[in-house]
Each structure stands twice: as C-alpha cells, then as structure tokens.
Amino acid sequence: MIDQLKCLIEAARRRPFPPEEREAQRRSFAYGNTKIENDLITREMVDEQDELLKRELQER
C-alpha cells in the first residue's frame, strides 16, 4: 500500500498543472475561506471579483 501511494504521489508531482486548473483552485480556495466568515458569499461573487481584479491588473 505504501509503495502504491508513493507511486501516485510521484505521478502527481510530474503531472502538468494547467493555468485553468490553477485558477479554478485559487477561486475555490478564496470561496472556501470567505464562506467560513460570511455565509452570504457565493461562488459567483468570487468569480465576479476575480474577473474585476484581472481587468484592473491588465489596465495597469
């Protein structure tokens, strides 16, 4: 069992991490952490704010 787990972990390390997946994980992390503090937060709100921040950064 330990060898199988080590093999899976090593395979995960070598797997490419596409920008789309990174963004989805970042948004999920932001949603999960803000939802703990404020039950009114929605995934859509996180998505909207992320898009606004992206636009602001591109304009700079």
PDB file of N, CA and C in Angstrom:
ATOM      1  N   MET A   1       0.819  -1.194   0.000  1.00  0.00           N
ATOM      2  CA  MET A   1       0.000   0.000   0.000  1.00  0.00           C
ATOM      3  C   MET A   1       0.865   1.262   0.000  1.00  0.00           C
ATOM      4  N   ILE A   2       1.910   1.281   0.811  1.00  0.00           N
ATOM      5  CA  ILE A   2       2.784   2.450   0.886  1.00  0.00           C
ATOM      6  C   ILE A   2       3.448   2.697  -0.465  1.00  0.00           C
ATOM      7  N   ASP A   3       3.906   1.642  -1.139  1.00  0.00           N
ATOM      8  CA  ASP A   3       4.552   1.795  -2.448  1.00  0.00           C
ATOM      9  C   ASP A   3       3.582   2.358  -3.473  1.00  0.00           C
ATOM     10  N   GLN A   4       2.336   1.915  -3.428  1.00  0.00           N
ATOM     11  CA  GLN A   4       1.334   2.432  -4.357  1.00  0.00           C
ATOM     12  C   GLN A   4       1.098   3.921  -4.114  1.00  0.00           C
ATOM     13  N   LEU A   5       1.034   4.290  -2.860  1.00  0.00           N
ATOM     14  CA  LEU A   5       0.830   5.693  -2.524  1.00  0.00           C
ATOM     15  C   LEU A   5       2.014   6.540  -2.978  1.00  0.00           C
ATOM     16  N   LYS A   6       3.213   6.066  -2.749  1.00  0.00           N
ATOM     17  CA  LYS A   6       4.412   6.786  -3.200  1.00  0.00           C
ATOM     18  C   LYS A   6       4.399   6.959  -4.710  1.00  0.00           C
ATOM     19  N   CYS A   7       3.988   5.916  -5.416  1.00  0.00           N
ATOM     20  CA  CYS A   7       3.925   5.961  -6.879  1.00  0.00           C
ATOM     21  C   CYS A   7       2.899   7.018  -7.334  1.00  0.00           C
ATOM     22  N   LEU A   8       1.751   7.054  -6.690  1.00  0.00           N
ATOM     23  CA  LEU A   8       0.724   8.036  -7.040  1.00  0.00           C
ATOM     24  C   LEU A   8       1.184   9.464  -6.741  1.00  0.00           C
ATOM     25  N   ILE A   9       1.842   9.651  -5.625  1.00  0.00           N
ATOM     26  CA  ILE A   9       2.350  10.979  -5.273  1.00  0.00           C
ATOM     27  C   ILE A   9       3.383  11.445  -6.292  1.00  0.00           C
ATOM     28  N   GLU A  10       4.258  10.558  -6.682  1.00  0.00           N
ATOM     29  CA  GLU A  10       5.285  10.912  -7.671  1.00  0.00           C
ATOM     30  C   GLU A  10       4.649  11.237  -9.024  1.00  0.00           C
ATOM     31  N   ALA A  11       3.630  10.486  -9.405  1.00  0.00           N
ATOM     32  CA  ALA A  11       2.930  10.759 -10.663  1.00  0.00           C
ATOM     33  C   ALA A  11       2.257  12.132 -10.607  1.00  0.00           C
ATOM     34  N   ALA A  12       1.695  12.477  -9.467  1.00  0.00           N
ATOM     35  CA  ALA A  12       1.044  13.783  -9.311  1.00  0.00           C
ATOM     36  C   ALA A  12       2.066  14.911  -9.407  1.00  0.00           C
ATOM     37  N   ARG A  13       3.261  14.679  -8.889  1.00  0.00           N
ATOM     38  CA  ARG A  13       4.314  15.708  -8.964  1.00  0.00           C
ATOM     39  C   ARG A  13       4.728  15.988 -10.400  1.00  0.00           C
ATOM     40  N   ARG A  14       4.723  14.964 -11.217  1.00  0.00           N
ATOM     41  CA  ARG A  14       5.172  15.122 -12.606  1.00  0.00           C
ATOM     42  C   ARG A  14       4.069  15.606 -13.537  1.00  0.00           C
ATOM     43  N   ARG A  15       2.836  15.565 -13.086  1.00  0.00           N
ATOM     44  CA  ARG A  15       1.703  15.960 -13.923  1.00  0.00           C
ATOM     45  C   ARG A  15       1.707  17.471 -14.124  1.00  0.00           C
ATOM     46  N   PRO A  16       1.512  17.918 -15.363  1.00  0.00           N
ATOM     47  CA  PRO A  16       1.446  19.369 -15.608  1.00  0.00           C
ATOM     48  C   PRO A  16       0.244  19.986 -14.878  1.00  0.00           C
ATOM     49  N   PHE A  17       0.389  21.230 -14.481  1.00  0.00           N
ATOM     50  CA  PHE A  17      -0.667  21.945 -13.768  1.00  0.00           C
ATOM     51  C   PHE A  17      -1.092  23.128 -14.633  1.00  0.00           C
ATOM     52  N   PRO A  18      -2.092  22.917 -15.489  1.00  0.00           N
ATOM     53  CA  PRO A  18      -2.506  23.964 -16.432  1.00  0.00           C
ATOM     54  C   PRO A  18      -3.012  25.221 -15.718  1.00  0.00           C
ATOM     55  N   PRO A  19      -2.840  26.365 -16.358  1.00  0.00           N
ATOM     56  CA  PRO A  19      -3.303  27.626 -15.770  1.00  0.00           C
ATOM     57  C   PRO A  19      -4.796  27.606 -15.416  1.00  0.00           C
ATOM     58  N   GLU A  20      -5.601  26.921 -16.207  1.00  0.00           N
ATOM     59  CA  GLU A  20      -7.041  26.864 -15.937  1.00  0.00           C
ATOM     60  C   GLU A  20      -7.319  26.159 -14.610  1.00  0.00           C
ATOM     61  N   GLU A  21      -6.597  25.076 -14.354  1.00  0.00           N
ATOM     62  CA  GLU A  21      -6.771  24.355 -13.095  1.00  0.00           C
ATOM     63  C   GLU A  21      -6.268  25.183 -11.922  1.00  0.00           C
ATOM     64  N   ARG A  22      -5.175  25.879 -12.122  1.00  0.00           N
ATOM     65  CA  ARG A  22      -4.618  26.728 -11.060  1.00  0.00           C
ATOM     66  C   ARG A  22      -5.633  27.818 -10.689  1.00  0.00           C
ATOM     67  N   GLU A  23      -6.248  28.420 -11.709  1.00  0.00           N
ATOM     68  CA  GLU A  23      -7.239  29.463 -11.459  1.00  0.00           C
ATOM     69  C   GLU A  23      -8.457  28.891 -10.743  1.00  0.00           C
ATOM     70  N   ALA A  24      -8.916  27.734 -11.158  1.00  0.00           N
ATOM     71  CA  ALA A  24     -10.071  27.102 -10.513  1.00  0.00           C
ATOM     72  C   ALA A  24      -9.765  26.783  -9.053  1.00  0.00           C
ATOM     73  N   GLN A  25      -8.569  26.301  -8.778  1.00  0.00           N
ATOM     74  CA  GLN A  25      -8.191  26.013  -7.393  1.00  0.00           C
ATOM     75  C   GLN A  25      -8.091  27.287  -6.565  1.00  0.00           C
ATOM     76  N   ARG A  26      -7.546  28.342  -7.166  1.00  0.00           N
ATOM     77  CA  ARG A  26      -7.414  29.613  -6.448  1.00  0.00           C
ATOM     78  C   ARG A  26      -8.786  30.169  -6.086  1.00  0.00           C
ATOM     79  N   ARG A  27      -9.717  30.109  -7.041  1.00  0.00           N
ATOM     80  CA  ARG A  27     -11.067  30.606  -6.776  1.00  0.00           C
ATOM     81  C   ARG A  27     -11.771  29.746  -5.722  1.00  0.00           C
ATOM     82  N   SER A  28     -11.588  28.454  -5.807  1.00  0.00           N
ATOM     83  CA  SER A  28     -12.189  27.558  -4.830  1.00  0.00           C
ATOM     84  C   SER A  28     -11.649  27.835  -3.430  1.00  0.00           C
ATOM     85  N   PHE A  29     -10.345  28.072  -3.333  1.00  0.00           N
ATOM     86  CA  PHE A  29      -9.717  28.405  -2.055  1.00  0.00           C
ATOM     87  C   PHE A  29     -10.292  29.708  -1.504  1.00  0.00           C
ATOM     88  N   ALA A  30     -10.404  30.722  -2.366  1.00  0.00           N
ATOM     89  CA  ALA A  30     -10.943  32.011  -1.940  1.00  0.00           C
ATOM     90  C   ALA A  30     -12.393  31.853  -1.473  1.00  0.00           C
ATOM     91  N   TYR A  31     -13.175  31.103  -2.215  1.00  0.00           N
ATOM     92  CA  TYR A  31     -14.570  30.882  -1.839  1.00  0.00           C
ATOM     93  C   TYR A  31     -14.664  30.174  -0.492  1.00  0.00           C
ATOM     94  N   GLY A  32     -13.930  29.097  -0.335  1.00  0.00           N
ATOM     95  CA  GLY A  32     -13.994  28.321   0.899  1.00  0.00           C
ATOM     96  C   GLY A  32     -13.610  29.137   2.117  1.00  0.00           C
ATOM     97  N   ASN A  33     -12.570  29.944   1.988  1.00  0.00           N
ATOM     98  CA  ASN A  33     -12.117  30.735   3.122  1.00  0.00           C
ATOM     99  C   ASN A  33     -13.047  31.897   3.447  1.00  0.00           C
ATOM    100  N   THR A  34     -13.631  32.509   2.434  1.00  0.00           N
ATOM    101  CA  THR A  34     -14.541  33.622   2.715  1.00  0.00           C
ATOM    102  C   THR A  34     -15.899  33.123   3.185  1.00  0.00           C
ATOM    103  N   LYS A  35     -16.312  31.965   2.694  1.00  0.00           N
ATOM    104  CA  LYS A  35     -17.606  31.393   3.090  1.00  0.00           C
ATOM    105  C   LYS A  35     -17.630  31.082   4.587  1.00  0.00           C
ATOM    106  N   ILE A  36     -16.482  30.709   5.140  1.00  0.00           N
ATOM    107  CA  ILE A  36     -16.391  30.424   6.574  1.00  0.00           C
ATOM    108  C   ILE A  36     -16.754  31.676   7.379  1.00  0.00           C
ATOM    109  N   GLU A  37     -16.287  32.830   6.914  1.00  0.00           N
ATOM    110  CA  GLU A  37     -16.502  34.084   7.637  1.00  0.00           C
ATOM    111  C   GLU A  37     -17.840  34.741   7.319  1.00  0.00           C
ATOM    112  N   ASN A  38     -18.345  34.515   6.103  1.00  0.00           N
ATOM    113  CA  ASN A  38     -19.562  35.199   5.682  1.00  0.00           C
ATOM    114  C   ASN A  38     -20.407  34.232   4.859  1.00  0.00           C
ATOM    115  N   ASP A  39     -21.505  33.782   5.440  1.00  0.00           N
ATOM    116  CA  ASP A  39     -22.352  32.784   4.791  1.00  0.00           C
ATOM    117  C   ASP A  39     -23.078  33.326   3.554  1.00  0.00           C
ATOM    118  N   LEU A  40     -23.032  34.635   3.338  1.00  0.00           N
ATOM    119  CA  LEU A  40     -23.700  35.226   2.175  1.00  0.00           C
ATOM    120  C   LEU A  40     -22.853  35.166   0.903  1.00  0.00           C
ATOM    121  N   ILE A  41     -21.587  34.801   1.039  1.00  0.00           N
ATOM    122  CA  ILE A  41     -20.685  34.726  -0.115  1.00  0.00           C
ATOM    123  C   ILE A  41     -21.106  33.585  -1.038  1.00  0.00           C
ATOM    124  N   THR A  42     -21.077  33.855  -2.341  1.00  0.00           N
ATOM    125  CA  THR A  42     -21.385  32.825  -3.333  1.00  0.00           C
ATOM    126  C   THR A  42     -20.186  32.639  -4.263  1.00  0.00           C
ATOM    127  N   ARG A  43     -20.167  31.528  -4.959  1.00  0.00           N
ATOM    128  CA  ARG A  43     -19.099  31.287  -5.941  1.00  0.00           C
ATOM    129  C   ARG A  43     -19.149  32.341  -7.041  1.00  0.00           C
ATOM    130  N   GLU A  44     -20.349  32.752  -7.389  1.00  0.00           N
ATOM    131  CA  GLU A  44     -20.488  33.765  -8.428  1.00  0.00           C
ATOM    132  C   GLU A  44     -19.840  35.081  -8.000  1.00  0.00           C
ATOM    133  N   MET A  45     -19.974  35.427  -6.730  1.00  0.00           N
ATOM    134  CA  MET A  45     -19.352  36.654  -6.227  1.00  0.00           C
ATOM    135  C   MET A  45     -17.832  36.566  -6.331  1.00  0.00           C
ATOM    136  N   VAL A  46     -17.291  35.426  -5.994  1.00  0.00           N
ATOM    137  CA  VAL A  46     -15.841  35.227  -6.089  1.00  0.00           C
ATOM    138  C   VAL A  46     -15.404  35.328  -7.546  1.00  0.00           C
ATOM    139  N   ASP A  47     -16.150  34.697  -8.446  1.00  0.00           N
ATOM    140  CA  ASP A  47     -15.821  34.763  -9.871  1.00  0.00           C
ATOM    141  C   ASP A  47     -15.859  36.201 -10.386  1.00  0.00           C
ATOM    142  N   GLU A  48     -16.892  36.943  -9.998  1.00  0.00           N
ATOM    143  CA  GLU A  48     -17.014  38.336 -10.442  1.00  0.00           C
ATOM    144  C   GLU A  48     -15.832  39.181  -9.957  1.00  0.00           C
ATOM    145  N   GLN A  49     -15.481  39.026  -8.701  1.00  0.00           N
ATOM    146  CA  GLN A  49     -14.373  39.807  -8.154  1.00  0.00           C
ATOM    147  C   GLN A  49     -13.048  39.431  -8.807  1.00  0.00           C
ATOM    148  N   ASP A  50     -12.879  38.155  -9.098  1.00  0.00           N
ATOM    149  CA  ASP A  50     -11.648  37.728  -9.759  1.00  0.00           C
ATOM    150  C   ASP A  50     -11.543  38.342 -11.151  1.00  0.00           C
ATOM    151  N   GLU A  51     -12.642  38.367 -11.868  1.00  0.00           N
ATOM    152  CA  GLU A  51     -12.634  38.979 -13.201  1.00  0.00           C
ATOM    153  C   GLU A  51     -12.342  40.476 -13.113  1.00  0.00           C
ATOM    154  N   LEU A  52     -12.921  41.148 -12.127  1.00  0.00           N
ATOM    155  CA  LEU A  52     -12.640  42.578 -11.949  1.00  0.00           C
ATOM    156  C   LEU A  52     -11.163  42.819 -11.653  1.00  0.00           C
ATOM    157  N   LEU A  53     -10.598  42.015 -10.770  1.00  0.00           N
ATOM    158  CA  LEU A  53      -9.178  42.172 -10.437  1.00  0.00           C
ATOM    159  C   LEU A  53      -8.286  41.924 -11.654  1.00  0.00           C
ATOM    160  N   LYS A  54      -8.639  40.933 -12.458  1.00  0.00           N
ATOM    161  CA  LYS A  54      -7.862  40.654 -13.670  1.00  0.00           C
ATOM    162  C   LYS A  54      -7.872  41.852 -14.602  1.00  0.00           C
ATOM    163  N   ARG A  55      -9.054  42.437 -14.805  1.00  0.00           N
ATOM    164  CA  ARG A  55      -9.164  43.605 -15.680  1.00  0.00           C
ATOM    165  C   ARG A  55      -8.351  44.776 -15.150  1.00  0.00           C
ATOM    166  N   GLU A  56      -8.408  45.005 -13.843  1.00  0.00           N
ATOM    167  CA  GLU A  56      -7.648  46.103 -13.247  1.00  0.00           C
ATOM    168  C   GLU A  56      -6.149  45.888 -13.444  1.00  0.00           C
ATOM    169  N   LEU A  57      -5.685  44.663 -13.282  1.00  0.00           N
ATOM    170  CA  LEU A  57      -4.259  44.381 -13.462  1.00  0.00           C
ATOM    171  C   LEU A  57      -3.828  44.551 -14.919  1.00  0.00           C
ATOM    172  N   GLN A  58      -4.706  44.194 -15.851  1.00  0.00           N
ATOM    173  CA  GLN A  58      -4.374  44.342 -17.271  1.00  0.00           C
ATOM    174  C   GLN A  58      -4.305  45.804 -17.688  1.00  0.00           C
ATOM    175  N   GLU A  59      -5.091  46.648 -17.030  1.00  0.00           N
ATOM    176  CA  GLU A  59      -5.132  48.070 -17.370  1.00  0.00           C
ATOM    177  C   GLU A  59      -3.900  48.825 -16.857  1.00  0.00           C
ATOM    178  N   ARG A  60      -3.184  48.238 -15.928  1.00  0.00           N
ATOM    179  CA  ARG A  60      -2.014  48.922 -15.358  1.00  0.00           C
ATOM    180  C   ARG A  60      -0.848  48.872 -16.275  1.00  0.00           C
TER     181      ARG A  60
END
